[in-house]
């Protein structure tokens, strides 16, 4: 990327020199790179991190170290994962789970770590509770659905359209609400006998948050994960007081700085869940490096289900 803008317009494939890792960094041969919504924000120049131009996006990847270890990592920009080689901080490199292929492993890290910390560290999700997940068919939402089911929760997913509803059922939602056709608040109350959702996982913001506040249960917890809608809500704190619910924020990246050991322990937990088949990233499409810009644009436009993964070595089964 040499300028900011829409991914499909500003990302282009070109030959560059192989990146040189700095002190405390490693060079990785990219086996697969997962497309995340932050990649679209990076392209637009709207992300909290603004690397100097030119740079290569691709914040999450499965790669191979120079000594042949298969790992997952978050890339150290400007050398992102939509390339044959990327750079990562040594501290951000973790062993790739043997139970997942390259594309699945590339999609395990950020979304599932965010889901686990959101549901367990921030919301204290308990067995038997009801979890409401917005954008349940997307990469972030589908991870939260699987983690909620693994924790013994009943999961209600909110999606937009029949295709996404089918994907939400595939990843384990007990109840699926189509926001385009259904009244979210009424549907949640109907599915919970009027109680509402004990935990709400919201990566969307905007109207999704407003609806959540109307159907959260007594002593419920709304986890604010992101604002994919583009609208940052302004919570009515008097409403939270009167209904006795909590609004908690989640910035997973802070754990890398504030409590890196917790990130390592979480990875061990996720690896174990993957080995048992309790979680598995929903990879809806695997594309070649030449199609990376189109893939990021599709995620930016909100037209995808599950994860799109770029395979620099060519599309593999």
C-alpha atoms as a PDB file:
ATOM      1  CA  UNK A   1       0.000   0.000   0.000  1.00  0.00           C
ATOM      2  CA  UNK A   2       1.393   3.380  -1.049  1.00  0.00           C
ATOM      3  CA  UNK A   3      -1.663   5.431  -0.065  1.00  0.00           C
ATOM      4  CA  UNK A   4      -4.728   5.093   2.143  1.00  0.00           C
ATOM      5  CA  UNK A   5      -8.174   4.318   0.797  1.00  0.00           C
ATOM      6  CA  UNK A   6     -10.516   1.432   0.088  1.00  0.00           C
ATOM      7  CA  UNK A   7      -8.606  -1.893   0.068  1.00  0.00           C
ATOM      8  CA  UNK A   8      -9.672  -2.828  -3.451  1.00  0.00           C
ATOM      9  CA  UNK A   9      -8.287   0.462  -4.737  1.00  0.00           C
ATOM     10  CA  UNK A  10      -5.044   0.906  -2.793  1.00  0.00           C
ATOM     11  CA  UNK A  11      -3.677  -2.619  -2.299  1.00  0.00           C
ATOM     12  CA  UNK A  12      -1.510  -3.864  -5.161  1.00  0.00           C
ATOM     13  CA  UNK A  13       0.763  -6.848  -5.668  1.00  0.00           C
ATOM     14  CA  UNK A  14       4.390  -5.981  -6.327  1.00  0.00           C
ATOM     15  CA  UNK A  15       7.897  -7.361  -5.867  1.00  0.00           C
ATOM     16  CA  UNK A  16       9.798  -5.963  -2.884  1.00  0.00           C
ATOM     17  CA  UNK A  17      13.004  -6.895  -1.087  1.00  0.00           C
ATOM     18  CA  UNK A  18      12.690  -9.548   1.595  1.00  0.00           C
ATOM     19  CA  UNK A  19      12.078  -7.805   4.949  1.00  0.00           C
ATOM     20  CA  UNK A  20      14.846  -7.698   7.546  1.00  0.00           C
ATOM     21  CA  UNK A  21      13.733  -8.440  11.118  1.00  0.00           C
ATOM     22  CA  UNK A  22      14.908  -6.026  13.784  1.00  0.00           C
ATOM     23  CA  UNK A  23      16.140  -6.793  17.270  1.00  0.00           C
ATOM     24  CA  UNK A  24      13.768  -9.154  19.056  1.00  0.00           C
ATOM     25  CA  UNK A  25      11.994 -10.023  15.801  1.00  0.00           C
ATOM     26  CA  UNK A  26      11.859 -13.051  13.496  1.00  0.00           C
ATOM     27  CA  UNK A  27      11.374 -13.544   9.770  1.00  0.00           C
ATOM     28  CA  UNK A  28       8.480 -15.840   8.870  1.00  0.00           C
ATOM     29  CA  UNK A  29       7.658 -17.527   5.590  1.00  0.00           C
ATOM     30  CA  UNK A  30       3.916 -17.008   5.342  1.00  0.00           C
ATOM     31  CA  UNK A  31       1.864 -20.173   4.952  1.00  0.00           C
ATOM     32  CA  UNK A  32      -1.524 -18.462   5.388  1.00  0.00           C
ATOM     33  CA  UNK A  33      -2.746 -14.998   6.408  1.00  0.00           C
ATOM     34  CA  UNK A  34      -6.212 -14.407   7.802  1.00  0.00           C
ATOM     35  CA  UNK A  35      -8.201 -11.324   6.739  1.00  0.00           C
ATOM     36  CA  UNK A  36      -9.410  -9.226   9.672  1.00  0.00           C
ATOM     37  CA  UNK A  37     -11.577  -6.114   9.773  1.00  0.00           C
ATOM     38  CA  UNK A  38      -8.583  -4.160  11.177  1.00  0.00           C
ATOM     39  CA  UNK A  39      -6.849  -4.817   7.846  1.00  0.00           C
ATOM     40  CA  UNK A  40      -9.570  -2.771   6.158  1.00  0.00           C
ATOM     41  CA  UNK A  41      -9.214  -0.044   8.778  1.00  0.00           C
ATOM     42  CA  UNK A  42      -5.449  -0.024   8.212  1.00  0.00           C
ATOM     43  CA  UNK A  43      -6.020   0.469   4.501  1.00  0.00           C
ATOM     44  CA  UNK A  44      -8.348   3.378   5.196  1.00  0.00           C
ATOM     45  CA  UNK A  45      -5.977   4.891   7.748  1.00  0.00           C
ATOM     46  CA  UNK A  46      -8.632   4.552  10.466  1.00  0.00           C
ATOM     47  CA  UNK A  47      -6.938   2.003  12.735  1.00  0.00           C
ATOM     48  CA  UNK A  48      -5.381   2.912  16.097  1.00  0.00           C
ATOM     49  CA  UNK A  49      -2.021   1.900  14.636  1.00  0.00           C
ATOM     50  CA  UNK A  50      -0.944   3.925  11.593  1.00  0.00           C
ATOM     51  CA  UNK A  51       2.222   2.449  10.063  1.00  0.00           C
ATOM     52  CA  UNK A  52       4.179   4.691   7.706  1.00  0.00           C
ATOM     53  CA  UNK A  53       3.520   4.238   4.013  1.00  0.00           C
ATOM     54  CA  UNK A  54       4.270   2.096   2.122  1.00  0.00           C
ATOM     55  CA  UNK A  55       3.322  -0.982   4.161  1.00  0.00           C
ATOM     56  CA  UNK A  56       1.853  -4.448   3.736  1.00  0.00           C
ATOM     57  CA  UNK A  57      -1.361  -5.221   5.671  1.00  0.00           C
ATOM     58  CA  UNK A  58      -2.193  -8.620   7.127  1.00  0.00           C
ATOM     59  CA  UNK A  59      -2.181  -8.608  10.921  1.00  0.00           C
ATOM     60  CA  UNK A  60      -2.622 -12.342  11.596  1.00  0.00           C
ATOM     61  CA  UNK A  61      -0.828 -15.298  10.055  1.00  0.00           C
ATOM     62  CA  UNK A  62       0.376 -18.863  10.181  1.00  0.00           C
ATOM     63  CA  UNK A  63       3.996 -19.081   9.139  1.00  0.00           C
ATOM     64  CA  UNK A  64       7.215 -21.020   9.280  1.00  0.00           C
ATOM     65  CA  UNK A  65      10.368 -19.927  11.095  1.00  0.00           C
ATOM     66  CA  UNK A  66      13.803 -20.213   9.538  1.00  0.00           C
ATOM     67  CA  UNK A  67      14.408 -23.349  11.618  1.00  0.00           C
ATOM     68  CA  UNK A  68      11.210 -24.970  10.290  1.00  0.00           C
ATOM     69  CA  UNK A  69       8.765 -24.444  13.175  1.00  0.00           C
ATOM     70  CA  UNK A  70       5.104 -23.963  12.214  1.00  0.00           C
ATOM     71  CA  UNK A  71       3.769 -20.997  14.203  1.00  0.00           C
ATOM     72  CA  UNK A  72       1.005 -18.417  14.411  1.00  0.00           C
ATOM     73  CA  UNK A  73       1.707 -14.744  15.045  1.00  0.00           C
ATOM     74  CA  UNK A  74       0.546 -11.177  14.760  1.00  0.00           C
ATOM     75  CA  UNK A  75       2.668  -9.415  12.175  1.00  0.00           C
ATOM     76  CA  UNK A  76       4.951  -6.507  13.031  1.00  0.00           C
ATOM     77  CA  UNK A  77       3.942  -3.804  10.582  1.00  0.00           C
ATOM     78  CA  UNK A  78       5.010  -2.545   8.071  1.00  0.00           C
ATOM     79  CA  UNK A  79       5.788  -6.177   7.143  1.00  0.00           C
ATOM     80  CA  UNK A  80       2.311  -7.715   7.276  1.00  0.00           C
ATOM     81  CA  UNK A  81       1.082 -11.152   6.320  1.00  0.00           C
ATOM     82  CA  UNK A  82      -0.254 -10.571   2.790  1.00  0.00           C
ATOM     83  CA  UNK A  83       3.162 -11.427   1.386  1.00  0.00           C
ATOM     84  CA  UNK A  84       5.496 -14.371   0.975  1.00  0.00           C
ATOM     85  CA  UNK A  85       7.517 -13.225   3.992  1.00  0.00           C
ATOM     86  CA  UNK A  86       6.493 -11.280   7.073  1.00  0.00           C
ATOM     87  CA  UNK A  87       8.090 -10.109  10.316  1.00  0.00           C
ATOM     88  CA  UNK A  88       6.831 -10.733  13.853  1.00  0.00           C
ATOM     89  CA  UNK A  89       8.037  -9.908  17.335  1.00  0.00           C
ATOM     90  CA  UNK A  90       9.489 -13.011  18.981  1.00  0.00           C
ATOM     91  CA  UNK A  91       7.110 -12.554  21.912  1.00  0.00           C
ATOM     92  CA  UNK A  92       4.123 -12.683  19.524  1.00  0.00           C
ATOM     93  CA  UNK A  93       5.069 -16.061  18.028  1.00  0.00           C
ATOM     94  CA  UNK A  94       3.146 -19.109  19.283  1.00  0.00           C
ATOM     95  CA  UNK A  95       3.123 -22.766  18.190  1.00  0.00           C
ATOM     96  CA  UNK A  96       0.434 -23.546  15.604  1.00  0.00           C
ATOM     97  CA  UNK A  97      -2.065 -26.200  16.809  1.00  0.00           C
ATOM     98  CA  UNK A  98      -1.472 -29.552  15.109  1.00  0.00           C
ATOM     99  CA  UNK A  99      -5.236 -30.127  14.892  1.00  0.00           C
ATOM    100  CA  UNK A 100      -5.735 -27.172  12.516  1.00  0.00           C
ATOM    101  CA  UNK A 101      -4.518 -26.706   8.955  1.00  0.00           C
ATOM    102  CA  UNK A 102      -2.643 -23.544   7.946  1.00  0.00           C
ATOM    103  CA  UNK A 103      -5.731 -21.512   7.034  1.00  0.00           C
ATOM    104  CA  UNK A 104      -7.572 -22.508  10.227  1.00  0.00           C
ATOM    105  CA  UNK A 105      -4.494 -21.852  12.370  1.00  0.00           C
ATOM    106  CA  UNK A 106      -4.061 -18.406  10.828  1.00  0.00           C
ATOM    107  CA  UNK A 107      -7.603 -17.561  11.937  1.00  0.00           C
ATOM    108  CA  UNK A 108      -7.274 -18.861  15.493  1.00  0.00           C
ATOM    109  CA  UNK A 109      -5.314 -16.154  17.230  1.00  0.00           C
ATOM    110  CA  UNK A 110      -6.875 -12.686  17.377  1.00  0.00           C
ATOM    111  CA  UNK A 111     -10.569 -13.566  17.091  1.00  0.00           C
ATOM    112  CA  UNK A 112     -10.455 -16.455  19.543  1.00  0.00           C
ATOM    113  CA  UNK A 113      -8.177 -14.710  22.022  1.00  0.00           C
ATOM    114  CA  UNK A 114     -10.526 -11.715  21.917  1.00  0.00           C
ATOM    115  CA  UNK A 115     -13.497 -14.011  22.421  1.00  0.00           C
ATOM    116  CA  UNK A 116     -11.942 -15.908  25.299  1.00  0.00           C
ATOM    117  CA  UNK A 117     -10.819 -12.783  27.188  1.00  0.00           C
ATOM    118  CA  UNK A 118     -14.138 -11.084  26.496  1.00  0.00           C
ATOM    119  CA  UNK A 119     -16.305 -13.957  27.661  1.00  0.00           C
ATOM    120  CA  UNK A 120     -14.185 -15.250  30.533  1.00  0.00           C
ATOM    121  CA  UNK A 121     -11.995 -12.425  31.853  1.00  0.00           C
ATOM    122  CA  UNK A 122     -14.396  -9.539  31.248  1.00  0.00           C
ATOM    123  CA  UNK A 123     -17.891 -11.065  31.363  1.00  0.00           C
ATOM    124  CA  UNK A 124     -17.320 -14.150  33.564  1.00  0.00           C
ATOM    125  CA  UNK A 125     -19.611 -16.258  31.388  1.00  0.00           C
ATOM    126  CA  UNK A 126     -20.998 -19.201  33.349  1.00  0.00           C
ATOM    127  CA  UNK A 127     -22.374 -22.570  32.314  1.00  0.00           C
ATOM    128  CA  UNK A 128     -26.106 -22.434  31.679  1.00  0.00           C
ATOM    129  CA  UNK A 129     -26.214 -18.702  30.944  1.00  0.00           C
ATOM    130  CA  UNK A 130     -27.524 -17.216  27.712  1.00  0.00           C
ATOM    131  CA  UNK A 131     -25.015 -15.530  25.422  1.00  0.00           C
ATOM    132  CA  UNK A 132     -26.143 -13.134  22.689  1.00  0.00           C
ATOM    133  CA  UNK A 133     -23.614 -12.656  19.864  1.00  0.00           C
ATOM    134  CA  UNK A 134     -23.960  -9.958  17.237  1.00  0.00           C
ATOM    135  CA  UNK A 135     -22.544 -10.641  13.737  1.00  0.00           C
ATOM    136  CA  UNK A 136     -22.544 -14.302  14.719  1.00  0.00           C
ATOM    137  CA  UNK A 137     -21.601 -15.567  11.263  1.00  0.00           C
ATOM    138  CA  UNK A 138     -18.517 -13.355  10.921  1.00  0.00           C
ATOM    139  CA  UNK A 139     -14.991 -14.215  11.956  1.00  0.00           C
ATOM    140  CA  UNK A 140     -15.116 -12.511  15.366  1.00  0.00           C
ATOM    141  CA  UNK A 141     -18.709 -13.499  16.098  1.00  0.00           C
ATOM    142  CA  UNK A 142     -18.343 -17.145  15.076  1.00  0.00           C
ATOM    143  CA  UNK A 143     -15.361 -17.487  17.407  1.00  0.00           C
ATOM    144  CA  UNK A 144     -17.459 -16.157  20.301  1.00  0.00           C
ATOM    145  CA  UNK A 145     -20.285 -18.564  19.430  1.00  0.00           C
ATOM    146  CA  UNK A 146     -17.972 -21.591  19.557  1.00  0.00           C
ATOM    147  CA  UNK A 147     -16.326 -20.433  22.778  1.00  0.00           C
ATOM    148  CA  UNK A 148     -19.722 -19.819  24.340  1.00  0.00           C
ATOM    149  CA  UNK A 149     -20.865 -23.328  23.455  1.00  0.00           C
ATOM    150  CA  UNK A 150     -17.594 -24.753  24.790  1.00  0.00           C
ATOM    151  CA  UNK A 151     -18.317 -22.969  28.083  1.00  0.00           C
ATOM    152  CA  UNK A 152     -21.775 -24.546  28.329  1.00  0.00           C
ATOM    153  CA  UNK A 153     -23.791 -21.458  27.437  1.00  0.00           C
ATOM    154  CA  UNK A 154     -26.934 -21.268  25.334  1.00  0.00           C
ATOM    155  CA  UNK A 155     -26.051 -19.069  22.354  1.00  0.00           C
ATOM    156  CA  UNK A 156     -28.322 -16.713  20.422  1.00  0.00           C
ATOM    157  CA  UNK A 157     -26.785 -15.323  17.241  1.00  0.00           C
ATOM    158  CA  UNK A 158     -27.791 -12.176  15.375  1.00  0.00           C
ATOM    159  CA  UNK A 159     -27.045 -12.038  11.641  1.00  0.00           C
ATOM    160  CA  UNK A 160     -28.129 -10.222   8.492  1.00  0.00           C
ATOM    161  CA  UNK A 161     -29.720 -12.478   5.892  1.00  0.00           C
ATOM    162  CA  UNK A 162     -30.484 -16.183   5.284  1.00  0.00           C
ATOM    163  CA  UNK A 163     -26.975 -17.141   4.117  1.00  0.00           C
ATOM    164  CA  UNK A 164     -25.443 -15.751   7.277  1.00  0.00           C
ATOM    165  CA  UNK A 165     -28.159 -17.411   9.348  1.00  0.00           C
ATOM    166  CA  UNK A 166     -27.148 -20.783   7.913  1.00  0.00           C
ATOM    167  CA  UNK A 167     -23.500 -20.109   8.771  1.00  0.00           C
ATOM    168  CA  UNK A 168     -24.448 -19.126  12.339  1.00  0.00           C
ATOM    169  CA  UNK A 169     -26.284 -22.414  12.788  1.00  0.00           C
ATOM    170  CA  UNK A 170     -23.285 -24.264  11.382  1.00  0.00           C
ATOM    171  CA  UNK A 171     -20.959 -22.839  14.050  1.00  0.00           C
ATOM    172  CA  UNK A 172     -23.367 -23.793  16.840  1.00  0.00           C
ATOM    173  CA  UNK A 173     -25.987 -21.119  17.549  1.00  0.00           C
ATOM    174  CA  UNK A 174     -29.001 -22.521  19.375  1.00  0.00           C
ATOM    175  CA  UNK A 175     -31.203 -19.668  18.178  1.00  0.00           C
ATOM    176  CA  UNK A 176     -30.590 -17.413  15.160  1.00  0.00           C
ATOM    177  CA  UNK A 177     -32.167 -13.983  14.706  1.00  0.00           C
ATOM    178  CA  UNK A 178     -32.137 -12.279  11.305  1.00  0.00           C
ATOM    179  CA  UNK A 179     -31.920  -8.557  12.080  1.00  0.00           C
ATOM    180  CA  UNK A 180     -33.329  -7.772   8.640  1.00  0.00           C
ATOM    181  CA  UNK A 181     -36.536  -9.700   9.233  1.00  0.00           C
ATOM    182  CA  UNK A 182     -36.912 -10.087  13.008  1.00  0.00           C
ATOM    183  CA  UNK A 183     -37.361  -7.780  15.984  1.00  0.00           C
ATOM    184  CA  UNK A 184     -34.127  -8.488  17.903  1.00  0.00           C
ATOM    185  CA  UNK A 185     -35.394  -7.355  21.303  1.00  0.00           C
ATOM    186  CA  UNK A 186     -38.661  -9.292  21.073  1.00  0.00           C
ATOM    187  CA  UNK A 187     -36.919 -12.393  19.719  1.00  0.00           C
ATOM    188  CA  UNK A 188     -34.336 -12.437  22.527  1.00  0.00           C
ATOM    189  CA  UNK A 189     -36.986 -12.003  25.206  1.00  0.00           C
ATOM    190  CA  UNK A 190     -39.112 -14.698  23.613  1.00  0.00           C
ATOM    191  CA  UNK A 191     -36.149 -17.109  23.495  1.00  0.00           C
ATOM    192  CA  UNK A 192     -35.290 -16.453  27.150  1.00  0.00           C
ATOM    193  CA  UNK A 193     -38.765 -16.443  28.667  1.00  0.00           C
ATOM    194  CA  UNK A 194     -38.621 -12.685  29.132  1.00  0.00           C
ATOM    195  CA  UNK A 195     -35.355 -12.717  31.112  1.00  0.00           C
ATOM    196  CA  UNK A 196     -33.004 -11.440  28.394  1.00  0.00           C
ATOM    197  CA  UNK A 197     -29.377 -12.309  27.635  1.00  0.00           C
ATOM    198  CA  UNK A 198     -26.940 -12.756  30.500  1.00  0.00           C
ATOM    199  CA  UNK A 199     -23.950 -11.801  28.348  1.00  0.00           C
ATOM    200  CA  UNK A 200     -23.941  -9.792  25.108  1.00  0.00           C
ATOM    201  CA  UNK A 201     -20.893  -9.923  22.814  1.00  0.00           C
ATOM    202  CA  UNK A 202     -20.960  -6.870  20.562  1.00  0.00           C
ATOM    203  CA  UNK A 203     -18.349  -6.263  17.842  1.00  0.00           C
ATOM    204  CA  UNK A 204     -20.803  -4.090  15.889  1.00  0.00           C
ATOM    205  CA  UNK A 205     -21.847  -1.077  17.983  1.00  0.00           C
ATOM    206  CA  UNK A 206     -24.429   1.382  16.711  1.00  0.00           C
ATOM    207  CA  UNK A 207     -27.952   0.018  16.599  1.00  0.00           C
ATOM    208  CA  UNK A 208     -26.776  -3.411  17.772  1.00  0.00           C
ATOM    209  CA  UNK A 209     -25.679  -1.909  21.083  1.00  0.00           C
ATOM    210  CA  UNK A 210     -28.959  -0.012  21.486  1.00  0.00           C
ATOM    211  CA  UNK A 211     -30.904  -3.247  20.975  1.00  0.00           C
ATOM    212  CA  UNK A 212     -28.623  -5.086  23.419  1.00  0.00           C
ATOM    213  CA  UNK A 213     -29.347  -2.619  26.207  1.00  0.00           C
ATOM    214  CA  UNK A 214     -33.061  -3.319  25.757  1.00  0.00           C
ATOM    215  CA  UNK A 215     -32.751  -7.096  26.055  1.00  0.00           C
ATOM    216  CA  UNK A 216     -29.905  -7.632  28.533  1.00  0.00           C
ATOM    217  CA  UNK A 217     -30.863  -9.540  31.678  1.00  0.00           C
ATOM    218  CA  UNK A 218     -30.754  -8.450  35.311  1.00  0.00           C
ATOM    219  CA  UNK A 219     -27.054  -8.436  36.284  1.00  0.00           C
ATOM    220  CA  UNK A 220     -26.204  -8.986  32.626  1.00  0.00           C
ATOM    221  CA  UNK A 221     -22.924  -7.920  31.009  1.00  0.00           C
ATOM    222  CA  UNK A 222     -22.516  -6.195  27.636  1.00  0.00           C
ATOM    223  CA  UNK A 223     -19.016  -6.687  26.248  1.00  0.00           C
ATOM    224  CA  UNK A 224     -18.019  -3.880  23.877  1.00  0.00           C
ATOM    225  CA  UNK A 225     -15.593  -5.436  21.381  1.00  0.00           C
ATOM    226  CA  UNK A 226     -15.650  -3.071  18.399  1.00  0.00           C
ATOM    227  CA  UNK A 227     -17.658  -0.875  16.077  1.00  0.00           C
ATOM    228  CA  UNK A 228     -17.917  -2.647  12.728  1.00  0.00           C
ATOM    229  CA  UNK A 229     -21.065  -0.620  12.002  1.00  0.00           C
ATOM    230  CA  UNK A 230     -18.963   2.534  11.974  1.00  0.00           C
ATOM    231  CA  UNK A 231     -21.098   4.081  14.713  1.00  0.00           C
ATOM    232  CA  UNK A 232     -19.811   4.379  18.290  1.00  0.00           C
ATOM    233  CA  UNK A 233     -22.786   4.292  20.681  1.00  0.00           C
ATOM    234  CA  UNK A 234     -23.242   6.620  23.634  1.00  0.00           C
ATOM    235  CA  UNK A 235     -24.543   4.434  26.477  1.00  0.00           C
ATOM    236  CA  UNK A 236     -27.214   5.842  28.765  1.00  0.00           C
ATOM    237  CA  UNK A 237     -25.616   5.190  32.149  1.00  0.00           C
ATOM    238  CA  UNK A 238     -28.864   5.894  33.967  1.00  0.00           C
ATOM    239  CA  UNK A 239     -30.356   2.968  32.022  1.00  0.00           C
ATOM    240  CA  UNK A 240     -27.500   0.693  33.157  1.00  0.00           C
ATOM    241  CA  UNK A 241     -28.143   1.795  36.727  1.00  0.00           C
ATOM    242  CA  UNK A 242     -31.898   1.226  36.626  1.00  0.00           C
ATOM    243  CA  UNK A 243     -31.636  -2.205  34.932  1.00  0.00           C
ATOM    244  CA  UNK A 244     -28.578  -3.286  36.955  1.00  0.00           C
ATOM    245  CA  UNK A 245     -26.328  -4.407  34.090  1.00  0.00           C
ATOM    246  CA  UNK A 246     -22.647  -3.872  33.343  1.00  0.00           C
ATOM    247  CA  UNK A 247     -20.953  -2.384  30.282  1.00  0.00           C
ATOM    248  CA  UNK A 248     -17.404  -3.675  29.921  1.00  0.00           C
ATOM    249  CA  UNK A 249     -14.828  -2.810  27.301  1.00  0.00           C
ATOM    250  CA  UNK A 250     -12.341  -5.190  25.726  1.00  0.00           C
ATOM    251  CA  UNK A 251      -9.089  -4.213  24.022  1.00  0.00           C
ATOM    252  CA  UNK A 252      -7.302  -7.538  23.647  1.00  0.00           C
ATOM    253  CA  UNK A 253      -4.056  -5.940  22.467  1.00  0.00           C
ATOM    254  CA  UNK A 254      -3.530  -4.481  25.950  1.00  0.00           C
ATOM    255  CA  UNK A 255      -3.033  -7.968  27.367  1.00  0.00           C
ATOM    256  CA  UNK A 256       0.045  -8.387  25.170  1.00  0.00           C
ATOM    257  CA  UNK A 257       1.610  -5.465  27.055  1.00  0.00           C
ATOM    258  CA  UNK A 258      -0.023  -5.670  30.474  1.00  0.00           C
ATOM    259  CA  UNK A 259      -0.272  -9.443  31.021  1.00  0.00           C
ATOM    260  CA  UNK A 260       1.529 -11.449  28.296  1.00  0.00           C
ATOM    261  CA  UNK A 261       1.494 -14.607  30.414  1.00  0.00           C
ATOM    262  CA  UNK A 262      -2.299 -14.547  30.289  1.00  0.00           C
ATOM    263  CA  UNK A 263      -2.090 -14.548  26.476  1.00  0.00           C
ATOM    264  CA  UNK A 264       0.172 -17.628  26.589  1.00  0.00           C
ATOM    265  CA  UNK A 265      -2.190 -19.420  28.984  1.00  0.00           C
ATOM    266  CA  UNK A 266      -5.129 -18.542  26.744  1.00  0.00           C
ATOM    267  CA  UNK A 267      -3.305 -19.974  23.718  1.00  0.00           C
ATOM    268  CA  UNK A 268      -2.769 -23.232  25.593  1.00  0.00           C
ATOM    269  CA  UNK A 269      -6.483 -23.317  26.425  1.00  0.00           C
ATOM    270  CA  UNK A 270      -7.463 -22.624  22.814  1.00  0.00           C
ATOM    271  CA  UNK A 271      -5.066 -25.284  21.541  1.00  0.00           C
ATOM    272  CA  UNK A 272      -6.677 -27.782  23.887  1.00  0.00           C
ATOM    273  CA  UNK A 273     -10.181 -26.841  22.791  1.00  0.00           C
ATOM    274  CA  UNK A 274      -9.162 -27.164  19.135  1.00  0.00           C
ATOM    275  CA  UNK A 275      -7.655 -30.605  19.784  1.00  0.00           C
ATOM    276  CA  UNK A 276     -10.984 -31.711  21.271  1.00  0.00           C
ATOM    277  CA  UNK A 277     -12.900 -30.331  18.279  1.00  0.00           C
ATOM    278  CA  UNK A 278     -14.769 -27.803  20.432  1.00  0.00           C
ATOM    279  CA  UNK A 279     -13.521 -24.853  18.394  1.00  0.00           C
ATOM    280  CA  UNK A 280     -12.549 -24.665  14.731  1.00  0.00           C
ATOM    281  CA  UNK A 281     -12.336 -21.468  12.682  1.00  0.00           C
ATOM    282  CA  UNK A 282     -14.975 -21.300   9.980  1.00  0.00           C
ATOM    283  CA  UNK A 283     -12.908 -20.665   6.834  1.00  0.00           C
ATOM    284  CA  UNK A 284     -15.367 -19.756   4.092  1.00  0.00           C
ATOM    285  CA  UNK A 285     -12.829 -19.001   1.363  1.00  0.00           C
ATOM    286  CA  UNK A 286      -9.130 -19.501   0.662  1.00  0.00           C
ATOM    287  CA  UNK A 287      -7.648 -17.188  -1.952  1.00  0.00           C
ATOM    288  CA  UNK A 288      -4.312 -16.685  -3.672  1.00  0.00           C
ATOM    289  CA  UNK A 289      -2.090 -13.692  -2.957  1.00  0.00           C
ATOM    290  CA  UNK A 290      -3.244 -12.090  -6.193  1.00  0.00           C
ATOM    291  CA  UNK A 291      -6.778 -11.881  -4.739  1.00  0.00           C
ATOM    292  CA  UNK A 292      -5.814 -10.403  -1.364  1.00  0.00           C
ATOM    293  CA  UNK A 293      -7.081  -6.898  -2.144  1.00  0.00           C
ATOM    294  CA  UNK A 294     -10.470  -8.247  -3.220  1.00  0.00           C
ATOM    295  CA  UNK A 295     -10.654 -10.392  -0.069  1.00  0.00           C
ATOM    296  CA  UNK A 296      -9.967  -7.444   2.248  1.00  0.00           C
ATOM    297  CA  UNK A 297     -12.557  -5.377   0.373  1.00  0.00           C
ATOM    298  CA  UNK A 298     -15.162  -8.110   0.854  1.00  0.00           C
ATOM    299  CA  UNK A 299     -14.535  -8.075   4.601  1.00  0.00           C
ATOM    300  CA  UNK A 300     -14.652  -4.265   4.607  1.00  0.00           C
ATOM    301  CA  UNK A 301     -18.025  -4.386   2.862  1.00  0.00           C
ATOM    302  CA  UNK A 302     -19.445  -6.881   5.380  1.00  0.00           C
ATOM    303  CA  UNK A 303     -20.475  -9.401   2.731  1.00  0.00           C
ATOM    304  CA  UNK A 304     -18.568 -12.407   4.112  1.00  0.00           C
ATOM    305  CA  UNK A 305     -19.262 -15.245   6.497  1.00  0.00           C
ATOM    306  CA  UNK A 306     -16.561 -16.855   8.598  1.00  0.00           C
ATOM    307  CA  UNK A 307     -12.977 -16.122   7.638  1.00  0.00           C
ATOM    308  CA  UNK A 308     -11.265 -15.356   4.342  1.00  0.00           C
ATOM    309  CA  UNK A 309      -7.668 -16.571   4.259  1.00  0.00           C
ATOM    310  CA  UNK A 310      -4.892 -15.616   1.841  1.00  0.00           C
ATOM    311  CA  UNK A 311      -2.486 -18.405   0.851  1.00  0.00           C
ATOM    312  CA  UNK A 312       0.711 -16.903  -0.623  1.00  0.00           C
ATOM    313  CA  UNK A 313       1.918 -20.302  -1.814  1.00  0.00           C
ATOM    314  CA  UNK A 314      -1.241 -20.859  -3.835  1.00  0.00           C
ATOM    315  CA  UNK A 315      -4.690 -22.131  -2.907  1.00  0.00           C
ATOM    316  CA  UNK A 316      -4.533 -25.490  -1.166  1.00  0.00           C
ATOM    317  CA  UNK A 317      -7.271 -27.813   0.068  1.00  0.00           C
END
